[in-house]
Amino acid sequence: MWLQGAFARLKRPVSHRKAMINRANDINRAGVKAIEIAGRILDLLAAAEQPIALRDLAAAGHMSPGKAHRYLTSFVAGTRRYALGPLSMRLGLAALNSHQPLRDAIALVR
């Protein structure tokens, strides 16, 4: 019985299969877009000289406060002003450490 269902799916028109592929591609693009938005928010936080209010961050990022809030709750919880935290420091230091000139300079100082 299950084999008949598998054959039925293979016999679907090409346009139906293309639509399924397009939907899968849309999902992949949505995932990438989410990372791009998160990166934009992190970039705005990095540029802020002090913790920033949600409405100001959303305005600077050209998005609704609700959308910005959904991303921010993934970064930090329980605050009304937002700033980069310890993870960003570790990521920044790891990025700096990956550059050979910086490693060479550290070796010279030691």
N, C-alpha and C. Protein backbone atom coordinates (compact mmCIF):
# COMPACT_ATOMS: atom_id res chain seq x y z
N MET A 1 0.81 -1.19 0.00
CA MET A 1 0.00 0.00 0.00
C MET A 1 0.86 1.27 0.00
N TRP A 2 1.86 1.32 0.90
CA TRP A 2 2.67 2.53 0.97
C TRP A 2 3.43 2.75 -0.32
N LEU A 3 3.77 1.65 -1.02
CA LEU A 3 4.47 1.75 -2.28
C LEU A 3 3.61 2.45 -3.34
N GLN A 4 2.31 2.18 -3.31
CA GLN A 4 1.41 2.84 -4.26
C GLN A 4 1.40 4.34 -4.02
N GLY A 5 1.43 4.74 -2.75
CA GLY A 5 1.48 6.17 -2.43
C GLY A 5 2.75 6.82 -2.93
N ALA A 6 3.86 6.09 -2.82
CA ALA A 6 5.13 6.63 -3.30
C ALA A 6 5.09 6.81 -4.81
N PHE A 7 4.55 5.84 -5.53
CA PHE A 7 4.44 5.97 -6.98
C PHE A 7 3.50 7.10 -7.36
N ALA A 8 2.45 7.27 -6.60
CA ALA A 8 1.49 8.35 -6.89
C ALA A 8 2.19 9.71 -6.77
N ARG A 9 3.05 9.85 -5.77
CA ARG A 9 3.78 11.11 -5.62
C ARG A 9 4.73 11.34 -6.78
N LEU A 10 5.34 10.28 -7.29
CA LEU A 10 6.25 10.42 -8.42
C LEU A 10 5.51 10.79 -9.70
N LYS A 11 4.25 10.39 -9.80
CA LYS A 11 3.46 10.65 -11.01
C LYS A 11 2.85 12.04 -11.01
N ARG A 12 3.05 12.81 -9.94
CA ARG A 12 2.48 14.16 -9.90
C ARG A 12 3.04 14.98 -11.06
N PRO A 13 2.29 15.95 -11.52
CA PRO A 13 2.77 16.78 -12.63
C PRO A 13 4.06 17.51 -12.25
N VAL A 14 4.84 17.81 -13.25
CA VAL A 14 6.11 18.50 -13.03
C VAL A 14 5.88 19.83 -12.32
N SER A 15 4.80 20.52 -12.67
CA SER A 15 4.53 21.82 -12.04
C SER A 15 4.35 21.67 -10.53
N HIS A 16 3.73 20.57 -10.10
CA HIS A 16 3.55 20.33 -8.67
C HIS A 16 4.89 20.09 -7.98
N ARG A 17 5.75 19.31 -8.64
CA ARG A 17 7.09 19.06 -8.06
C ARG A 17 7.89 20.35 -7.99
N LYS A 18 7.79 21.20 -9.03
CA LYS A 18 8.50 22.48 -9.02
C LYS A 18 7.99 23.37 -7.90
N ALA A 19 6.68 23.34 -7.67
CA ALA A 19 6.11 24.14 -6.57
C ALA A 19 6.66 23.67 -5.24
N MET A 20 6.80 22.35 -5.07
CA MET A 20 7.35 21.81 -3.82
C MET A 20 8.80 22.26 -3.64
N ILE A 21 9.58 22.25 -4.73
CA ILE A 21 10.97 22.70 -4.67
C ILE A 21 11.03 24.18 -4.35
N ASN A 22 10.15 24.98 -4.97
CA ASN A 22 10.13 26.42 -4.69
C ASN A 22 9.81 26.68 -3.23
N ARG A 23 8.86 25.91 -2.65
CA ARG A 23 8.54 26.08 -1.24
C ARG A 23 9.75 25.76 -0.37
N ALA A 24 10.48 24.72 -0.71
CA ALA A 24 11.68 24.36 0.06
C ALA A 24 12.72 25.46 -0.05
N ASN A 25 12.88 26.04 -1.25
CA ASN A 25 13.83 27.14 -1.42
C ASN A 25 13.41 28.36 -0.62
N ASP A 26 12.11 28.64 -0.58
CA ASP A 26 11.61 29.76 0.22
C ASP A 26 11.93 29.56 1.70
N ILE A 27 11.78 28.34 2.18
CA ILE A 27 12.10 28.06 3.59
C ILE A 27 13.59 28.29 3.83
N ASN A 28 14.44 27.85 2.91
CA ASN A 28 15.88 28.06 3.07
C ASN A 28 16.21 29.54 3.08
N ARG A 29 15.59 30.31 2.17
CA ARG A 29 15.84 31.75 2.13
C ARG A 29 15.35 32.42 3.39
N ALA A 30 14.23 31.96 3.94
CA ALA A 30 13.70 32.54 5.17
C ALA A 30 14.68 32.32 6.31
N GLY A 31 15.32 31.17 6.35
CA GLY A 31 16.31 30.90 7.39
C GLY A 31 17.50 31.84 7.27
N VAL A 32 17.97 32.06 6.06
CA VAL A 32 19.09 32.96 5.84
C VAL A 32 18.67 34.39 6.18
N LYS A 33 17.47 34.78 5.80
CA LYS A 33 16.98 36.12 6.08
C LYS A 33 16.93 36.37 7.59
N ALA A 34 16.55 35.36 8.35
CA ALA A 34 16.50 35.50 9.81
C ALA A 34 17.89 35.80 10.36
N ILE A 35 18.88 35.14 9.81
CA ILE A 35 20.25 35.39 10.27
C ILE A 35 20.70 36.78 9.86
N GLU A 36 20.31 37.21 8.66
CA GLU A 36 20.66 38.57 8.22
C GLU A 36 20.03 39.62 9.13
N ILE A 37 18.78 39.42 9.51
CA ILE A 37 18.10 40.37 10.40
C ILE A 37 18.78 40.37 11.76
N ALA A 38 19.08 39.20 12.28
CA ALA A 38 19.77 39.11 13.58
C ALA A 38 21.12 39.81 13.50
N GLY A 39 21.83 39.62 12.39
CA GLY A 39 23.11 40.29 12.21
C GLY A 39 22.97 41.80 12.17
N ARG A 40 21.91 42.27 11.51
CA ARG A 40 21.67 43.73 11.46
C ARG A 40 21.40 44.27 12.86
N ILE A 41 20.62 43.54 13.64
CA ILE A 41 20.33 43.98 15.01
C ILE A 41 21.61 44.00 15.84
N LEU A 42 22.43 42.96 15.71
CA LEU A 42 23.69 42.91 16.46
C LEU A 42 24.61 44.04 16.02
N ASP A 43 24.60 44.35 14.75
CA ASP A 43 25.42 45.45 14.25
C ASP A 43 24.96 46.78 14.84
N LEU A 44 23.65 46.97 14.94
CA LEU A 44 23.12 48.19 15.56
C LEU A 44 23.50 48.27 17.04
N LEU A 45 23.43 47.13 17.73
CA LEU A 45 23.83 47.11 19.13
C LEU A 45 25.31 47.42 19.28
N ALA A 46 26.12 46.91 18.36
CA ALA A 46 27.56 47.17 18.42
C ALA A 46 27.86 48.65 18.19
N ALA A 47 27.07 49.30 17.33
CA ALA A 47 27.30 50.72 17.03
C ALA A 47 26.80 51.64 18.14
N ALA A 48 25.88 51.15 18.97
CA ALA A 48 25.34 51.98 20.05
C ALA A 48 26.40 52.16 21.14
N GLU A 49 26.53 53.35 21.63
CA GLU A 49 27.53 53.63 22.65
C GLU A 49 27.05 53.28 24.06
N GLN A 50 25.76 53.01 24.18
CA GLN A 50 25.18 52.65 25.48
C GLN A 50 23.97 51.76 25.21
N PRO A 51 23.42 51.13 26.24
CA PRO A 51 22.21 50.33 26.01
C PRO A 51 21.13 51.18 25.33
N ILE A 52 20.40 50.54 24.44
CA ILE A 52 19.45 51.25 23.59
C ILE A 52 18.03 50.73 23.82
N ALA A 53 17.07 51.62 23.76
CA ALA A 53 15.67 51.25 23.94
C ALA A 53 15.16 50.51 22.70
N LEU A 54 14.20 49.65 22.91
CA LEU A 54 13.63 48.84 21.84
C LEU A 54 13.13 49.71 20.69
N ARG A 55 12.37 50.75 20.98
CA ARG A 55 11.79 51.56 19.91
C ARG A 55 12.88 52.23 19.08
N ASP A 56 13.98 52.65 19.73
CA ASP A 56 15.08 53.28 18.99
C ASP A 56 15.82 52.27 18.13
N LEU A 57 16.02 51.09 18.67
CA LEU A 57 16.68 50.03 17.92
C LEU A 57 15.84 49.62 16.71
N ALA A 58 14.55 49.47 16.91
CA ALA A 58 13.65 49.09 15.82
C ALA A 58 13.64 50.16 14.74
N ALA A 59 13.58 51.42 15.13
CA ALA A 59 13.57 52.51 14.15
C ALA A 59 14.88 52.53 13.35
N ALA A 60 15.99 52.34 14.03
CA ALA A 60 17.29 52.33 13.34
C ALA A 60 17.41 51.14 12.40
N GLY A 61 16.76 50.05 12.73
CA GLY A 61 16.81 48.85 11.90
C GLY A 61 15.71 48.77 10.87
N HIS A 62 14.87 49.81 10.79
CA HIS A 62 13.76 49.86 9.84
C HIS A 62 12.86 48.63 9.97
N MET A 63 12.46 48.33 11.21
CA MET A 63 11.55 47.21 11.46
C MET A 63 10.60 47.59 12.58
N SER A 64 9.56 46.82 12.71
CA SER A 64 8.60 47.10 13.78
C SER A 64 9.21 46.73 15.13
N PRO A 65 8.78 47.40 16.19
CA PRO A 65 9.27 47.03 17.52
C PRO A 65 8.98 45.57 17.87
N GLY A 66 7.83 45.05 17.41
CA GLY A 66 7.50 43.65 17.68
C GLY A 66 8.50 42.69 17.05
N LYS A 67 8.88 42.98 15.81
CA LYS A 67 9.86 42.13 15.13
C LYS A 67 11.21 42.21 15.82
N ALA A 68 11.64 43.41 16.16
CA ALA A 68 12.93 43.57 16.85
C ALA A 68 12.89 42.85 18.20
N HIS A 69 11.77 42.95 18.89
CA HIS A 69 11.65 42.32 20.21
C HIS A 69 11.78 40.80 20.12
N ARG A 70 11.19 40.20 19.07
CA ARG A 70 11.30 38.75 18.91
C ARG A 70 12.76 38.32 18.79
N TYR A 71 13.56 39.09 18.08
CA TYR A 71 14.98 38.75 17.95
C TYR A 71 15.72 39.04 19.25
N LEU A 72 15.42 40.16 19.87
CA LEU A 72 16.13 40.53 21.10
C LEU A 72 15.88 39.55 22.23
N THR A 73 14.69 38.98 22.30
CA THR A 73 14.44 38.02 23.37
C THR A 73 15.27 36.76 23.17
N SER A 74 15.74 36.53 21.95
CA SER A 74 16.65 35.41 21.72
C SER A 74 18.05 35.74 22.22
N PHE A 75 18.38 37.01 22.29
CA PHE A 75 19.72 37.42 22.72
C PHE A 75 19.80 37.58 24.23
N VAL A 76 18.86 38.30 24.81
CA VAL A 76 18.86 38.60 26.24
C VAL A 76 17.44 38.54 26.76
N ALA A 77 17.29 38.42 28.06
CA ALA A 77 15.94 38.37 28.64
C ALA A 77 15.86 39.27 29.86
N GLY A 78 14.68 39.78 30.11
CA GLY A 78 14.41 40.50 31.35
C GLY A 78 14.98 41.89 31.46
N THR A 79 15.07 42.60 30.36
CA THR A 79 15.59 43.97 30.42
C THR A 79 14.78 44.85 29.46
N ARG A 80 14.84 46.16 29.68
CA ARG A 80 14.11 47.07 28.80
C ARG A 80 15.06 47.83 27.89
N ARG A 81 16.34 47.72 28.15
CA ARG A 81 17.34 48.35 27.29
C ARG A 81 18.31 47.25 26.87
N TYR A 82 18.83 47.38 25.66
CA TYR A 82 19.59 46.28 25.10
C TYR A 82 21.02 46.71 24.76
N ALA A 83 21.94 45.79 24.97
CA ALA A 83 23.35 46.02 24.66
C ALA A 83 23.98 44.65 24.37
N LEU A 84 25.18 44.68 23.82
CA LEU A 84 25.89 43.43 23.57
C LEU A 84 26.33 42.83 24.89
N GLY A 85 26.34 41.52 24.97
CA GLY A 85 26.70 40.83 26.19
C GLY A 85 28.00 40.06 26.08
N PRO A 86 28.26 39.17 27.04
CA PRO A 86 29.53 38.44 27.09
C PRO A 86 29.78 37.56 25.85
N LEU A 87 28.74 36.99 25.27
CA LEU A 87 28.95 36.16 24.09
C LEU A 87 29.53 36.98 22.95
N SER A 88 29.05 38.23 22.80
CA SER A 88 29.60 39.06 21.73
C SER A 88 31.07 39.36 21.96
N MET A 89 31.45 39.51 23.22
CA MET A 89 32.86 39.74 23.53
C MET A 89 33.68 38.51 23.12
N ARG A 90 33.20 37.34 23.46
CA ARG A 90 33.93 36.11 23.10
C ARG A 90 34.01 35.95 21.58
N LEU A 91 32.91 36.25 20.89
CA LEU A 91 32.93 36.14 19.43
C LEU A 91 33.91 37.14 18.81
N GLY A 92 33.90 38.36 19.33
CA GLY A 92 34.81 39.38 18.82
C GLY A 92 36.26 39.01 19.05
N LEU A 93 36.56 38.51 20.24
CA LEU A 93 37.93 38.10 20.53
C LEU A 93 38.35 36.91 19.67
N ALA A 94 37.42 35.99 19.44
CA ALA A 94 37.73 34.85 18.58
C ALA A 94 38.00 35.32 17.15
N ALA A 95 37.23 36.29 16.68
CA ALA A 95 37.44 36.83 15.34
C ALA A 95 38.80 37.52 15.25
N LEU A 96 39.13 38.30 16.27
CA LEU A 96 40.43 38.96 16.28
C LEU A 96 41.57 37.94 16.31
N ASN A 97 41.40 36.91 17.10
CA ASN A 97 42.43 35.89 17.23
C ASN A 97 42.64 35.11 15.94
N SER A 98 41.65 35.12 15.05
CA SER A 98 41.79 34.36 13.81
C SER A 98 42.63 35.08 12.77
N HIS A 99 43.00 36.33 13.04
CA HIS A 99 43.81 37.09 12.09
C HIS A 99 45.28 36.94 12.43
N GLN A 100 46.07 36.54 11.47
CA GLN A 100 47.49 36.27 11.69
C GLN A 100 48.26 37.50 12.20
N PRO A 101 48.05 38.71 11.67
CA PRO A 101 48.82 39.85 12.20
C PRO A 101 48.62 40.06 13.70
N LEU A 102 47.43 39.84 14.19
CA LEU A 102 47.19 40.00 15.62
C LEU A 102 47.93 38.92 16.41
N ARG A 103 47.91 37.70 15.93
CA ARG A 103 48.65 36.62 16.62
C ARG A 103 50.13 36.92 16.63
N ASP A 104 50.65 37.45 15.52
CA ASP A 104 52.07 37.80 15.45
C ASP A 104 52.41 38.90 16.45
N ALA A 105 51.53 39.90 16.56
CA ALA A 105 51.77 41.00 17.51
C ALA A 105 51.76 40.48 18.95
N ILE A 106 50.83 39.60 19.27
CA ILE A 106 50.76 39.03 20.62
C ILE A 106 52.03 38.24 20.92
N ALA A 107 52.51 37.50 19.94
CA ALA A 107 53.73 36.71 20.14
C ALA A 107 54.93 37.63 20.38
N LEU A 108 54.99 38.76 19.72
CA LEU A 108 56.09 39.70 19.91
C LEU A 108 56.06 40.32 21.31
N VAL A 109 54.87 40.59 21.82
CA VAL A 109 54.73 41.20 23.15
C VAL A 109 55.15 40.22 24.24
N ARG A 110 54.88 38.95 24.02
CA ARG A 110 55.22 37.94 25.03
C ARG A 110 56.67 37.75 25.02
